[in-house]
Structure formats: structure tokens, C-alpha cells
């Protein structure tokens, strides 16, 4: 099977013996397509999703749309999984949501916890349907600092 970056599948963490969770959970594939499509690699990197979106820790989590439902990507739980245990296909993230997820992954792994480094595109501000997101406007210079919307 050819997996692609940004696709969402169910993954059985219980069968994997993982301590992340003990149930089927949707995951977003974040590893490179060359590795995903290569049959010699039996694993790929994923970020688990949850439907609990009431509280979002902006340094390690972000809101995404999965199958027309608001979901939360748990970047702090990024992991590699076995391709053999990947379940049913759910959806493909939009390019906009992949940009948000990539920015959250980059900031989390690099330790860039200052809001001026938190890149969230302008369309993901509360005025466009994502409440409580710290927003850096890419259309202004970095010297102007971060813009906060609550």
C-alpha cells in the first residue's frame, strides 16, 4: 500500500504493544513520502489525533479538521508505527492544515516556544474559526512581533 504524508488512518496501538494508548486512534502520517512508499521501510512516523479539543496546549498541540470534524493533533506524542498495523483510511489533511501541523511539529521539536516563532497562518485565527490560537502574521515583518488573538 502507498501511504502519503498528510493522510489520516486508524492505527491499533493496542496490537503494537505501545504504551501511548490502548485503542484504535486516528493518526496523521508525517514522515516523508519516499519513506512511506518504500517497501523496505516497515515503519512510518505519525501524530495521534483526538476529538477532545476543549484544551489545546499551543506548544505541543494544534487543531485540525478531520472528516469535517474539529480534531486535535498531539504533537508531543509523535511516534513511529508499524505499517502492517495501519487500519482503515479516514481522510487527507488539507494543505492549510498540513502547514499548521508542520509548524507545530517544527516548533515543538526545536523548542521554539516563543510566540514570535509560532507560525499559524492568518486563516487559522479565531476570526476564521479556530479560537484561542496564538497567531504570528507571516505578512508582517518579524520585528513587529507576534499578534495575539484570544
N, C-alpha and C. Protein backbone atom coordinates (compact mmCIF):
# COMPACT_ATOMS: atom_id res chain seq x y z
N UNK A 1 0.84 -1.18 0.00
CA UNK A 1 0.00 0.00 0.00
C UNK A 1 0.89 1.25 0.00
N UNK A 2 0.48 2.27 -0.70
CA UNK A 2 1.23 3.52 -0.80
C UNK A 2 0.64 4.55 0.15
N UNK A 3 1.37 4.81 1.21
CA UNK A 3 0.95 5.82 2.18
C UNK A 3 1.55 7.16 1.79
N UNK A 4 0.82 8.24 2.09
CA UNK A 4 1.30 9.58 1.78
C UNK A 4 1.20 10.48 2.99
N UNK A 5 2.12 11.42 3.04
CA UNK A 5 2.17 12.40 4.11
C UNK A 5 0.85 13.19 4.13
N UNK A 6 0.28 13.34 5.30
CA UNK A 6 -0.98 14.08 5.44
C UNK A 6 -2.22 13.20 5.43
N UNK A 7 -2.06 11.92 5.09
CA UNK A 7 -3.20 11.02 5.13
C UNK A 7 -3.50 10.64 6.58
N UNK A 8 -4.78 10.39 6.85
CA UNK A 8 -5.21 10.00 8.19
C UNK A 8 -5.75 8.59 8.13
N UNK A 9 -5.22 7.75 9.00
CA UNK A 9 -5.63 6.35 9.11
C UNK A 9 -5.91 6.03 10.57
N UNK A 10 -6.66 4.96 10.80
CA UNK A 10 -6.74 4.42 12.14
C UNK A 10 -5.50 3.57 12.39
N UNK A 11 -5.04 3.56 13.62
CA UNK A 11 -3.90 2.71 13.99
C UNK A 11 -4.22 2.03 15.30
N UNK A 12 -3.94 0.72 15.37
CA UNK A 12 -4.23 -0.08 16.55
C UNK A 12 -3.01 -0.08 17.47
N UNK A 13 -2.98 0.86 18.41
CA UNK A 13 -1.85 0.95 19.34
C UNK A 13 -1.81 -0.24 20.30
N UNK A 14 -2.97 -0.83 20.57
CA UNK A 14 -3.02 -1.97 21.48
C UNK A 14 -2.27 -3.17 20.90
N UNK A 15 -2.45 -3.45 19.62
CA UNK A 15 -1.77 -4.57 18.97
C UNK A 15 -0.26 -4.32 18.84
N UNK A 16 0.11 -3.06 18.82
CA UNK A 16 1.52 -2.66 18.69
C UNK A 16 2.28 -2.89 19.99
N UNK A 17 1.57 -2.97 21.11
CA UNK A 17 2.23 -3.08 22.40
C UNK A 17 2.72 -1.73 22.89
N UNK A 18 2.26 -0.68 22.26
CA UNK A 18 2.67 0.67 22.62
C UNK A 18 1.99 1.10 23.91
N UNK A 19 2.65 1.98 24.62
CA UNK A 19 2.07 2.50 25.85
C UNK A 19 1.41 3.85 25.64
N UNK A 20 1.27 4.27 24.38
CA UNK A 20 0.65 5.56 24.08
C UNK A 20 -0.83 5.52 24.43
N UNK A 21 -1.51 4.51 23.97
CA UNK A 21 -2.93 4.33 24.26
C UNK A 21 -3.27 2.86 24.00
N UNK A 22 -4.42 2.45 24.44
CA UNK A 22 -4.80 1.04 24.27
C UNK A 22 -6.03 0.91 23.38
N UNK A 23 -6.10 1.74 22.37
CA UNK A 23 -7.26 1.64 21.48
C UNK A 23 -6.88 2.07 20.08
N UNK A 24 -7.82 1.86 19.15
CA UNK A 24 -7.66 2.38 17.79
C UNK A 24 -7.75 3.89 17.85
N UNK A 25 -6.82 4.56 17.23
CA UNK A 25 -6.81 6.01 17.24
C UNK A 25 -6.45 6.52 15.85
N UNK A 26 -7.10 7.59 15.40
CA UNK A 26 -6.68 8.17 14.13
C UNK A 26 -5.30 8.81 14.26
N UNK A 27 -4.49 8.64 13.21
CA UNK A 27 -3.15 9.21 13.19
C UNK A 27 -2.92 9.89 11.85
N UNK A 28 -2.12 10.95 11.86
CA UNK A 28 -1.73 11.64 10.63
C UNK A 28 -0.31 11.21 10.30
N UNK A 29 -0.09 10.81 9.06
CA UNK A 29 1.25 10.43 8.62
C UNK A 29 2.06 11.70 8.39
N UNK A 30 3.24 11.79 9.04
CA UNK A 30 4.08 12.97 8.89
C UNK A 30 5.47 12.64 8.34
N UNK A 31 5.76 11.37 8.14
CA UNK A 31 7.06 11.02 7.57
C UNK A 31 7.07 11.31 6.07
N UNK A 32 8.26 11.35 5.51
CA UNK A 32 8.45 11.72 4.10
C UNK A 32 7.84 10.66 3.18
N UNK A 33 7.26 11.10 2.06
CA UNK A 33 6.61 10.18 1.12
C UNK A 33 7.56 9.13 0.56
N UNK A 34 8.83 9.46 0.39
CA UNK A 34 9.79 8.48 -0.13
C UNK A 34 9.90 7.30 0.84
N UNK A 35 9.96 7.59 2.12
CA UNK A 35 10.00 6.52 3.12
C UNK A 35 8.66 5.80 3.22
N UNK A 36 7.58 6.54 3.11
CA UNK A 36 6.25 5.93 3.22
C UNK A 36 5.98 4.94 2.09
N UNK A 37 6.47 5.24 0.90
CA UNK A 37 6.19 4.39 -0.26
C UNK A 37 7.21 3.29 -0.46
N UNK A 38 8.32 3.34 0.27
CA UNK A 38 9.37 2.33 0.13
C UNK A 38 9.01 1.09 0.95
N UNK A 39 8.91 -0.04 0.28
CA UNK A 39 8.54 -1.29 0.96
C UNK A 39 9.63 -1.80 1.89
N UNK A 40 10.85 -1.30 1.75
CA UNK A 40 11.94 -1.72 2.64
C UNK A 40 11.83 -1.12 4.03
N UNK A 41 11.08 -0.02 4.15
CA UNK A 41 10.81 0.58 5.46
C UNK A 41 9.50 0.01 5.98
N UNK A 42 9.54 -0.64 7.13
CA UNK A 42 8.32 -1.22 7.67
C UNK A 42 7.64 -0.31 8.68
N UNK A 43 8.18 0.89 8.88
CA UNK A 43 7.61 1.84 9.84
C UNK A 43 7.43 3.21 9.21
N UNK A 44 6.60 4.03 9.84
CA UNK A 44 6.44 5.41 9.43
C UNK A 44 6.14 6.26 10.66
N UNK A 45 6.34 7.56 10.53
CA UNK A 45 6.15 8.48 11.64
C UNK A 45 4.75 9.08 11.57
N UNK A 46 4.07 9.10 12.71
CA UNK A 46 2.69 9.60 12.76
C UNK A 46 2.50 10.48 13.99
N UNK A 47 1.43 11.28 13.93
CA UNK A 47 0.99 12.09 15.07
C UNK A 47 -0.44 11.66 15.39
N UNK A 48 -0.70 11.22 16.62
CA UNK A 48 -2.06 10.82 17.00
C UNK A 48 -3.02 12.00 17.04
N UNK A 49 -4.28 11.72 16.74
CA UNK A 49 -5.34 12.72 16.81
C UNK A 49 -6.33 12.35 17.91
N UNK A 50 -6.99 13.35 18.44
CA UNK A 50 -8.05 13.12 19.41
C UNK A 50 -9.19 14.09 19.12
N UNK A 51 -10.39 13.73 19.57
CA UNK A 51 -11.54 14.60 19.37
C UNK A 51 -11.74 15.54 20.56
N UNK A 52 -10.93 15.40 21.59
CA UNK A 52 -11.00 16.28 22.76
C UNK A 52 -10.25 17.56 22.44
N UNK A 53 -11.00 18.60 22.09
CA UNK A 53 -10.37 19.84 21.63
C UNK A 53 -10.62 21.02 22.56
N UNK A 54 -11.21 20.76 23.73
CA UNK A 54 -11.56 21.88 24.61
C UNK A 54 -10.33 22.60 25.13
N UNK A 55 -9.24 21.89 25.37
CA UNK A 55 -8.00 22.48 25.85
C UNK A 55 -6.89 22.12 24.88
N UNK A 56 -6.18 23.14 24.38
CA UNK A 56 -5.09 22.92 23.44
C UNK A 56 -3.83 23.59 23.99
N UNK A 57 -2.80 22.79 24.20
CA UNK A 57 -1.50 23.32 24.61
C UNK A 57 -0.76 23.71 23.34
N UNK A 58 -0.67 25.01 23.08
CA UNK A 58 -0.23 25.50 21.78
C UNK A 58 1.21 25.15 21.45
N UNK A 59 2.00 24.79 22.44
CA UNK A 59 3.39 24.43 22.16
C UNK A 59 3.51 23.01 21.63
N UNK A 60 2.53 22.17 21.91
CA UNK A 60 2.65 20.77 21.51
C UNK A 60 1.40 20.20 20.86
N UNK A 61 0.39 21.01 20.64
CA UNK A 61 -0.86 20.53 20.06
C UNK A 61 -1.42 21.60 19.11
N UNK A 62 -2.24 21.15 18.17
CA UNK A 62 -2.91 22.10 17.27
C UNK A 62 -4.24 21.50 16.83
N UNK A 63 -5.16 22.39 16.48
CA UNK A 63 -6.46 21.96 15.99
C UNK A 63 -6.41 21.78 14.48
N UNK A 64 -7.06 20.71 14.02
CA UNK A 64 -7.13 20.39 12.60
C UNK A 64 -8.55 19.95 12.26
N UNK A 65 -8.87 19.93 10.99
CA UNK A 65 -10.16 19.42 10.55
C UNK A 65 -9.94 18.03 9.96
N UNK A 66 -10.60 17.03 10.55
CA UNK A 66 -10.51 15.64 10.09
C UNK A 66 -11.91 15.16 9.77
N UNK A 67 -12.18 14.85 8.51
CA UNK A 67 -13.52 14.41 8.09
C UNK A 67 -14.59 15.40 8.52
N UNK A 68 -14.35 16.68 8.30
CA UNK A 68 -15.27 17.76 8.62
C UNK A 68 -15.56 17.86 10.11
N UNK A 69 -14.64 17.34 10.94
CA UNK A 69 -14.78 17.40 12.39
C UNK A 69 -13.52 18.02 12.98
N UNK A 70 -13.70 18.91 13.94
CA UNK A 70 -12.55 19.52 14.60
C UNK A 70 -11.84 18.48 15.45
N UNK A 71 -10.55 18.33 15.24
CA UNK A 71 -9.72 17.38 15.98
C UNK A 71 -8.48 18.09 16.51
N UNK A 72 -7.77 17.41 17.39
CA UNK A 72 -6.54 17.96 17.94
C UNK A 72 -5.39 17.00 17.66
N UNK A 73 -4.32 17.53 17.07
CA UNK A 73 -3.11 16.73 16.83
C UNK A 73 -2.23 16.83 18.06
N UNK A 74 -1.81 15.68 18.58
CA UNK A 74 -0.99 15.62 19.79
C UNK A 74 0.48 15.43 19.39
N UNK A 75 1.12 16.54 19.04
CA UNK A 75 2.48 16.50 18.52
C UNK A 75 3.45 15.97 19.58
N UNK A 76 3.16 16.19 20.85
CA UNK A 76 4.04 15.67 21.90
C UNK A 76 4.01 14.15 21.97
N UNK A 77 3.11 13.50 21.24
CA UNK A 77 3.03 12.04 21.20
C UNK A 77 3.48 11.49 19.84
N UNK A 78 4.23 12.27 19.07
CA UNK A 78 4.73 11.83 17.77
C UNK A 78 5.50 10.52 17.96
N UNK A 79 5.29 9.57 17.06
CA UNK A 79 5.90 8.25 17.23
C UNK A 79 6.04 7.56 15.88
N UNK A 80 6.81 6.47 15.86
CA UNK A 80 6.87 5.63 14.67
C UNK A 80 5.98 4.41 14.90
N UNK A 81 5.33 3.97 13.84
CA UNK A 81 4.41 2.84 13.94
C UNK A 81 4.71 1.85 12.82
N UNK A 82 4.24 0.62 13.01
CA UNK A 82 4.40 -0.42 12.00
C UNK A 82 3.34 -0.26 10.92
N UNK A 83 3.79 -0.29 9.68
CA UNK A 83 2.84 -0.16 8.56
C UNK A 83 1.85 -1.31 8.54
N UNK A 84 2.26 -2.47 9.00
CA UNK A 84 1.40 -3.65 8.96
C UNK A 84 0.17 -3.51 9.86
N UNK A 85 0.23 -2.63 10.85
CA UNK A 85 -0.89 -2.47 11.79
C UNK A 85 -1.77 -1.26 11.48
N UNK A 86 -1.49 -0.58 10.37
CA UNK A 86 -2.30 0.56 9.97
C UNK A 86 -3.66 0.06 9.50
N UNK A 87 -4.71 0.71 9.97
CA UNK A 87 -6.07 0.29 9.65
C UNK A 87 -6.70 1.08 8.53
N UNK A 88 -7.97 1.35 8.72
CA UNK A 88 -8.82 1.97 7.70
C UNK A 88 -8.41 3.41 7.42
N UNK A 89 -8.44 3.77 6.13
CA UNK A 89 -8.19 5.14 5.68
C UNK A 89 -9.35 6.03 6.09
N UNK A 90 -9.04 7.22 6.63
CA UNK A 90 -10.09 8.15 7.02
C UNK A 90 -10.20 9.36 6.10
N UNK A 91 -9.09 10.06 5.91
CA UNK A 91 -9.15 11.32 5.16
C UNK A 91 -7.75 11.78 4.80
N UNK A 92 -7.70 12.90 4.07
CA UNK A 92 -6.45 13.57 3.72
C UNK A 92 -6.54 14.98 4.30
N UNK A 93 -5.51 15.40 5.03
CA UNK A 93 -5.49 16.76 5.55
C UNK A 93 -5.36 17.74 4.39
N UNK A 94 -5.96 18.90 4.55
CA UNK A 94 -5.80 19.95 3.55
C UNK A 94 -4.38 20.51 3.66
N UNK A 95 -3.97 21.21 2.63
CA UNK A 95 -2.64 21.84 2.66
C UNK A 95 -2.57 22.84 3.80
N UNK A 96 -3.64 23.57 4.05
CA UNK A 96 -3.67 24.54 5.14
C UNK A 96 -3.44 23.87 6.49
N UNK A 97 -4.12 22.75 6.72
CA UNK A 97 -3.93 22.03 7.99
C UNK A 97 -2.55 21.41 8.09
N UNK A 98 -1.97 20.97 6.97
CA UNK A 98 -0.60 20.44 7.00
C UNK A 98 0.40 21.53 7.37
N UNK A 99 0.17 22.75 6.91
CA UNK A 99 1.04 23.87 7.28
C UNK A 99 0.98 24.11 8.78
N UNK A 100 -0.22 24.07 9.34
CA UNK A 100 -0.39 24.25 10.79
C UNK A 100 0.31 23.13 11.54
N UNK A 101 0.10 21.88 11.11
CA UNK A 101 0.73 20.74 11.78
C UNK A 101 2.25 20.79 11.65
N UNK A 102 2.76 21.09 10.47
CA UNK A 102 4.21 21.19 10.27
C UNK A 102 4.82 22.27 11.18
N UNK A 103 4.16 23.41 11.28
CA UNK A 103 4.65 24.48 12.14
C UNK A 103 4.69 24.06 13.59
N UNK A 104 3.65 23.34 14.04
CA UNK A 104 3.61 22.88 15.43
C UNK A 104 4.70 21.84 15.68
N UNK A 105 4.91 20.92 14.74
CA UNK A 105 5.98 19.92 14.88
C UNK A 105 7.34 20.60 14.94
N UNK A 106 7.59 21.52 14.02
CA UNK A 106 8.88 22.22 13.99
C UNK A 106 9.13 22.99 15.28
N UNK A 107 8.13 23.71 15.75
CA UNK A 107 8.29 24.48 16.98
C UNK A 107 8.49 23.57 18.19
N UNK A 108 7.75 22.48 18.25
CA UNK A 108 7.87 21.56 19.38
C UNK A 108 9.24 20.89 19.42
N UNK A 109 9.69 20.38 18.29
CA UNK A 109 10.97 19.67 18.26
C UNK A 109 12.17 20.60 18.40
N UNK A 110 12.02 21.84 17.93
CA UNK A 110 13.13 22.79 18.02
C UNK A 110 13.13 23.54 19.35
N UNK A 111 12.07 23.43 20.10
CA UNK A 111 12.00 24.13 21.38
C UNK A 111 11.71 25.61 21.22
N UNK A 112 11.15 26.00 20.09
CA UNK A 112 10.81 27.41 19.84
C UNK A 112 9.47 27.72 20.49
N UNK A 113 9.50 28.03 21.77
CA UNK A 113 8.25 28.24 22.48
C UNK A 113 7.88 29.71 22.60
N UNK A 114 8.65 30.57 21.98
CA UNK A 114 8.32 31.98 21.97
C UNK A 114 7.24 32.21 20.92
N UNK A 115 6.20 32.99 21.24
CA UNK A 115 5.12 33.20 20.27
C UNK A 115 5.58 33.77 18.94
N UNK A 116 6.69 34.52 18.93
CA UNK A 116 7.12 35.10 17.66
C UNK A 116 7.57 34.03 16.68
N UNK A 117 7.86 32.82 17.16
CA UNK A 117 8.26 31.74 16.28
C UNK A 117 7.11 30.79 15.97
N UNK A 118 5.97 31.00 16.59
CA UNK A 118 4.83 30.12 16.39
C UNK A 118 4.10 30.55 15.13
N UNK A 119 4.25 29.78 14.08
CA UNK A 119 3.63 30.14 12.80
C UNK A 119 2.28 29.47 12.68
N UNK A 120 1.26 30.28 12.65
CA UNK A 120 -0.09 29.82 12.36
C UNK A 120 -0.64 30.73 11.28
N UNK A 121 -1.00 30.20 10.13
CA UNK A 121 -1.47 31.06 9.04
C UNK A 121 -2.67 31.91 9.45
N UNK A 122 -2.81 33.06 8.79
CA UNK A 122 -3.86 34.01 9.14
C UNK A 122 -5.25 33.41 9.09
N UNK A 123 -5.47 32.40 8.22
CA UNK A 123 -6.80 31.81 8.10
C UNK A 123 -7.15 30.94 9.30
N UNK A 124 -6.19 30.69 10.19
CA UNK A 124 -6.44 29.85 11.36
C UNK A 124 -6.65 30.67 12.62
N UNK A 125 -6.84 31.97 12.48
CA UNK A 125 -7.08 32.81 13.64
C UNK A 125 -8.52 32.63 14.11
N UNK A 126 -8.82 33.10 15.31
CA UNK A 126 -10.20 32.94 15.81
C UNK A 126 -11.24 33.53 14.86
N UNK A 127 -10.87 34.57 14.11
CA UNK A 127 -11.82 35.17 13.19
C UNK A 127 -12.15 34.24 12.04
N UNK A 128 -11.37 33.20 11.86
CA UNK A 128 -11.62 32.24 10.79
C UNK A 128 -11.99 30.87 11.34
N UNK A 129 -12.34 30.79 12.61
CA UNK A 129 -12.91 29.56 13.13
C UNK A 129 -12.05 28.72 14.04
N UNK A 130 -10.84 29.17 14.41
CA UNK A 130 -10.01 28.43 15.35
C UNK A 130 -9.79 29.28 16.58
N UNK A 131 -10.62 29.17 17.61
CA UNK A 131 -10.50 30.05 18.77
C UNK A 131 -9.26 29.74 19.61
N UNK A 132 -8.67 30.79 20.16
CA UNK A 132 -7.59 30.63 21.12
C UNK A 132 -6.24 30.28 20.54
N UNK A 133 -6.02 30.52 19.26
CA UNK A 133 -4.75 30.16 18.63
C UNK A 133 -3.81 31.35 18.69
N UNK A 134 -2.58 31.13 19.16
CA UNK A 134 -1.57 32.17 19.10
C UNK A 134 -1.17 32.32 17.64
N UNK A 135 -1.13 33.54 17.16
CA UNK A 135 -1.00 33.76 15.72
C UNK A 135 0.15 34.70 15.41
N UNK A 136 1.03 34.29 14.55
CA UNK A 136 2.08 35.15 14.00
C UNK A 136 1.72 35.43 12.56
N UNK A 137 1.53 36.68 12.23
CA UNK A 137 1.13 37.04 10.89
C UNK A 137 2.33 37.01 9.95
N UNK A 138 2.37 36.09 8.99
CA UNK A 138 3.52 35.97 8.11
C UNK A 138 3.65 37.14 7.15
N UNK A 139 2.62 37.98 7.08
CA UNK A 139 2.65 39.10 6.14
C UNK A 139 3.25 40.36 6.76
N UNK A 140 3.64 40.29 8.02
CA UNK A 140 4.32 41.41 8.66
C UNK A 140 5.75 40.99 8.95
N UNK A 141 6.60 41.95 9.17
CA UNK A 141 8.00 41.61 9.44
C UNK A 141 8.12 41.04 10.84
N UNK A 142 9.15 40.25 11.06
CA UNK A 142 9.34 39.60 12.36
C UNK A 142 9.64 40.62 13.45
N UNK A 143 10.13 41.80 13.11
CA UNK A 143 10.43 42.80 14.12
C UNK A 143 9.16 43.34 14.78
N UNK A 144 8.04 43.22 14.10
CA UNK A 144 6.81 43.72 14.66
C UNK A 144 6.26 42.82 15.74
N UNK A 145 6.81 41.61 15.91
CA UNK A 145 6.42 40.72 16.98
C UNK A 145 5.18 39.92 16.67
N UNK A 146 4.73 39.18 17.66
CA UNK A 146 3.60 38.28 17.50
C UNK A 146 2.28 39.02 17.73
N UNK A 147 1.24 38.49 17.14
CA UNK A 147 -0.10 39.04 17.32
C UNK A 147 -0.91 38.02 18.10
N UNK A 148 -1.54 38.45 19.15
CA UNK A 148 -2.31 37.54 19.98
C UNK A 148 -3.79 37.76 19.75
N UNK A 149 -4.50 36.68 19.60
CA UNK A 149 -5.95 36.73 19.47
C UNK A 149 -6.49 35.76 20.49
N UNK A 150 -7.42 36.22 21.32
CA UNK A 150 -7.99 35.33 22.33
C UNK A 150 -9.44 35.12 22.07
